[in-house]
């Protein structure tokens, strides 16, 4: 048995794999009102399809479906085959409530009960 595949078949298999990854991925990045599907997410950055994404740079928002994960400052790092990889300069996780200006005491009362 040989490992050789015709070039057309190899391209079709790679395209099918990319389509399957894109369907599974709920991650997306938004920049300047445009949304791009994230195919890979790592500690230092993320990758998108090179055909879809321009050279993004600056402040972007990262989403998982409708949930806002983080606000990131990015720079285009390198093209890796069919993927464009972006690196984080800053990756700030978003919270579901406003940040406190002071440290909350764990022994403080939670609510005031009337008599």
C-alpha atoms as a PDB file:
ATOM      1  CA  UNK A   1       0.000   0.000   0.000  1.00  0.00           C
ATOM      2  CA  UNK A   2       1.316   3.483  -0.805  1.00  0.00           C
ATOM      3  CA  UNK A   3       1.065   6.812   1.029  1.00  0.00           C
ATOM      4  CA  UNK A   4       0.646   8.751  -2.179  1.00  0.00           C
ATOM      5  CA  UNK A   5      -2.587  10.659  -2.737  1.00  0.00           C
ATOM      6  CA  UNK A   6      -3.278  12.706  -5.837  1.00  0.00           C
ATOM      7  CA  UNK A   7      -2.982  16.441  -5.201  1.00  0.00           C
ATOM      8  CA  UNK A   8      -6.674  17.077  -5.986  1.00  0.00           C
ATOM      9  CA  UNK A   9      -7.787  14.470  -3.465  1.00  0.00           C
ATOM     10  CA  UNK A  10      -5.406  15.832  -0.828  1.00  0.00           C
ATOM     11  CA  UNK A  11      -6.766  19.379  -1.292  1.00  0.00           C
ATOM     12  CA  UNK A  12     -10.357  18.121  -1.032  1.00  0.00           C
ATOM     13  CA  UNK A  13      -9.578  16.210   2.166  1.00  0.00           C
ATOM     14  CA  UNK A  14      -7.963  19.279   3.737  1.00  0.00           C
ATOM     15  CA  UNK A  15     -10.921  21.444   2.724  1.00  0.00           C
ATOM     16  CA  UNK A  16     -13.328  18.925   4.249  1.00  0.00           C
ATOM     17  CA  UNK A  17     -11.338  18.918   7.497  1.00  0.00           C
ATOM     18  CA  UNK A  18     -11.425  22.735   7.643  1.00  0.00           C
ATOM     19  CA  UNK A  19     -15.191  22.760   7.063  1.00  0.00           C
ATOM     20  CA  UNK A  20     -15.681  20.195   9.851  1.00  0.00           C
ATOM     21  CA  UNK A  21     -13.512  22.246  12.254  1.00  0.00           C
ATOM     22  CA  UNK A  22     -15.426  25.399  11.368  1.00  0.00           C
ATOM     23  CA  UNK A  23     -18.776  23.734  12.073  1.00  0.00           C
ATOM     24  CA  UNK A  24     -17.598  22.443  15.459  1.00  0.00           C
ATOM     25  CA  UNK A  25     -16.064  25.712  16.588  1.00  0.00           C
ATOM     26  CA  UNK A  26     -18.350  28.178  18.372  1.00  0.00           C
ATOM     27  CA  UNK A  27     -15.500  30.600  18.975  1.00  0.00           C
ATOM     28  CA  UNK A  28     -15.437  33.849  17.033  1.00  0.00           C
ATOM     29  CA  UNK A  29     -13.558  37.096  17.111  1.00  0.00           C
ATOM     30  CA  UNK A  30     -15.112  40.492  16.372  1.00  0.00           C
ATOM     31  CA  UNK A  31     -13.174  43.461  15.065  1.00  0.00           C
ATOM     32  CA  UNK A  32     -14.582  46.679  13.577  1.00  0.00           C
ATOM     33  CA  UNK A  33     -18.093  45.227  13.401  1.00  0.00           C
ATOM     34  CA  UNK A  34     -16.956  42.139  11.456  1.00  0.00           C
ATOM     35  CA  UNK A  35     -17.026  38.616  12.876  1.00  0.00           C
ATOM     36  CA  UNK A  36     -14.497  35.867  12.036  1.00  0.00           C
ATOM     37  CA  UNK A  37     -14.648  32.215  13.109  1.00  0.00           C
ATOM     38  CA  UNK A  38     -11.762  31.059  15.318  1.00  0.00           C
ATOM     39  CA  UNK A  39     -10.503  27.595  14.391  1.00  0.00           C
ATOM     40  CA  UNK A  40      -7.837  27.223  17.101  1.00  0.00           C
ATOM     41  CA  UNK A  41      -7.395  28.957  20.433  1.00  0.00           C
ATOM     42  CA  UNK A  42      -4.303  28.661  22.584  1.00  0.00           C
ATOM     43  CA  UNK A  43      -2.682  30.366  25.561  1.00  0.00           C
ATOM     44  CA  UNK A  44      -0.672  32.771  23.412  1.00  0.00           C
ATOM     45  CA  UNK A  45      -3.086  33.379  20.540  1.00  0.00           C
ATOM     46  CA  UNK A  46      -5.661  32.089  18.091  1.00  0.00           C
ATOM     47  CA  UNK A  47      -5.920  31.067  14.444  1.00  0.00           C
ATOM     48  CA  UNK A  48      -8.516  31.810  11.771  1.00  0.00           C
ATOM     49  CA  UNK A  49      -8.929  30.708   8.176  1.00  0.00           C
ATOM     50  CA  UNK A  50      -6.539  32.713   6.013  1.00  0.00           C
ATOM     51  CA  UNK A  51      -9.185  33.187   3.304  1.00  0.00           C
ATOM     52  CA  UNK A  52     -11.681  34.796   5.696  1.00  0.00           C
ATOM     53  CA  UNK A  53      -9.570  37.049   7.864  1.00  0.00           C
ATOM     54  CA  UNK A  54      -7.628  40.118   6.894  1.00  0.00           C
ATOM     55  CA  UNK A  55      -4.508  41.133   8.777  1.00  0.00           C
ATOM     56  CA  UNK A  56      -6.238  41.983  12.026  1.00  0.00           C
ATOM     57  CA  UNK A  57      -4.457  44.224  14.465  1.00  0.00           C
ATOM     58  CA  UNK A  58      -5.449  46.053  17.606  1.00  0.00           C
ATOM     59  CA  UNK A  59      -8.352  45.557  19.976  1.00  0.00           C
ATOM     60  CA  UNK A  60     -10.749  42.653  19.319  1.00  0.00           C
ATOM     61  CA  UNK A  61     -13.416  40.817  21.311  1.00  0.00           C
ATOM     62  CA  UNK A  62     -13.392  37.027  21.678  1.00  0.00           C
ATOM     63  CA  UNK A  63     -16.748  35.212  21.981  1.00  0.00           C
ATOM     64  CA  UNK A  64     -17.903  31.649  22.632  1.00  0.00           C
ATOM     65  CA  UNK A  65     -21.327  31.677  21.008  1.00  0.00           C
ATOM     66  CA  UNK A  66     -23.038  34.682  22.604  1.00  0.00           C
ATOM     67  CA  UNK A  67     -20.848  34.695  25.737  1.00  0.00           C
ATOM     68  CA  UNK A  68     -18.144  37.374  25.776  1.00  0.00           C
ATOM     69  CA  UNK A  69     -14.907  35.656  26.876  1.00  0.00           C
ATOM     70  CA  UNK A  70     -12.263  38.345  26.667  1.00  0.00           C
ATOM     71  CA  UNK A  71     -11.046  41.548  25.139  1.00  0.00           C
ATOM     72  CA  UNK A  72      -7.695  41.129  23.423  1.00  0.00           C
ATOM     73  CA  UNK A  73      -4.991  43.290  21.969  1.00  0.00           C
ATOM     74  CA  UNK A  74      -3.535  41.302  19.072  1.00  0.00           C
ATOM     75  CA  UNK A  75      -0.988  41.405  16.293  1.00  0.00           C
ATOM     76  CA  UNK A  76      -0.844  39.225  13.171  1.00  0.00           C
ATOM     77  CA  UNK A  77       1.961  36.769  13.746  1.00  0.00           C
ATOM     78  CA  UNK A  78       2.295  34.418  10.803  1.00  0.00           C
ATOM     79  CA  UNK A  79       0.542  32.483   8.087  1.00  0.00           C
ATOM     80  CA  UNK A  80       0.668  28.746   8.715  1.00  0.00           C
ATOM     81  CA  UNK A  81      -0.648  26.929   5.660  1.00  0.00           C
ATOM     82  CA  UNK A  82      -4.370  27.708   5.446  1.00  0.00           C
ATOM     83  CA  UNK A  83      -4.449  29.406   8.854  1.00  0.00           C
ATOM     84  CA  UNK A  84      -3.510  32.903   9.946  1.00  0.00           C
ATOM     85  CA  UNK A  85      -2.171  32.966  13.496  1.00  0.00           C
ATOM     86  CA  UNK A  86      -2.593  36.015  15.755  1.00  0.00           C
ATOM     87  CA  UNK A  87      -0.727  36.495  19.026  1.00  0.00           C
ATOM     88  CA  UNK A  88      -2.054  38.179  22.143  1.00  0.00           C
ATOM     89  CA  UNK A  89      -0.259  41.244  23.428  1.00  0.00           C
ATOM     90  CA  UNK A  90      -2.922  41.513  26.112  1.00  0.00           C
ATOM     91  CA  UNK A  91      -5.797  39.139  26.900  1.00  0.00           C
ATOM     92  CA  UNK A  92      -8.221  40.451  29.524  1.00  0.00           C
ATOM     93  CA  UNK A  93     -11.008  38.134  30.670  1.00  0.00           C
ATOM     94  CA  UNK A  94     -14.419  39.735  31.026  1.00  0.00           C
ATOM     95  CA  UNK A  95     -16.500  39.373  34.164  1.00  0.00           C
ATOM     96  CA  UNK A  96     -20.222  39.208  34.693  1.00  0.00           C
ATOM     97  CA  UNK A  97     -20.252  42.066  37.212  1.00  0.00           C
ATOM     98  CA  UNK A  98     -18.518  45.385  37.709  1.00  0.00           C
ATOM     99  CA  UNK A  99     -15.085  45.307  39.363  1.00  0.00           C
ATOM    100  CA  UNK A 100     -14.860  46.428  42.991  1.00  0.00           C
ATOM    101  CA  UNK A 101     -12.841  49.420  44.085  1.00  0.00           C
ATOM    102  CA  UNK A 102     -12.036  47.793  47.406  1.00  0.00           C
ATOM    103  CA  UNK A 103     -11.419  44.377  48.941  1.00  0.00           C
ATOM    104  CA  UNK A 104     -14.605  42.719  50.160  1.00  0.00           C
ATOM    105  CA  UNK A 105     -14.439  41.375  53.711  1.00  0.00           C
ATOM    106  CA  UNK A 106     -15.499  37.719  53.829  1.00  0.00           C
ATOM    107  CA  UNK A 107     -17.104  38.196  57.275  1.00  0.00           C
ATOM    108  CA  UNK A 108     -19.187  41.192  56.181  1.00  0.00           C
ATOM    109  CA  UNK A 109     -22.977  40.742  56.277  1.00  0.00           C
ATOM    110  CA  UNK A 110     -24.593  39.905  52.976  1.00  0.00           C
ATOM    111  CA  UNK A 111     -27.939  41.572  53.637  1.00  0.00           C
ATOM    112  CA  UNK A 112     -29.657  43.596  56.325  1.00  0.00           C
ATOM    113  CA  UNK A 113     -32.604  41.808  57.933  1.00  0.00           C
ATOM    114  CA  UNK A 114     -35.360  44.001  59.369  1.00  0.00           C
ATOM    115  CA  UNK A 115     -36.658  43.327  62.896  1.00  0.00           C
END
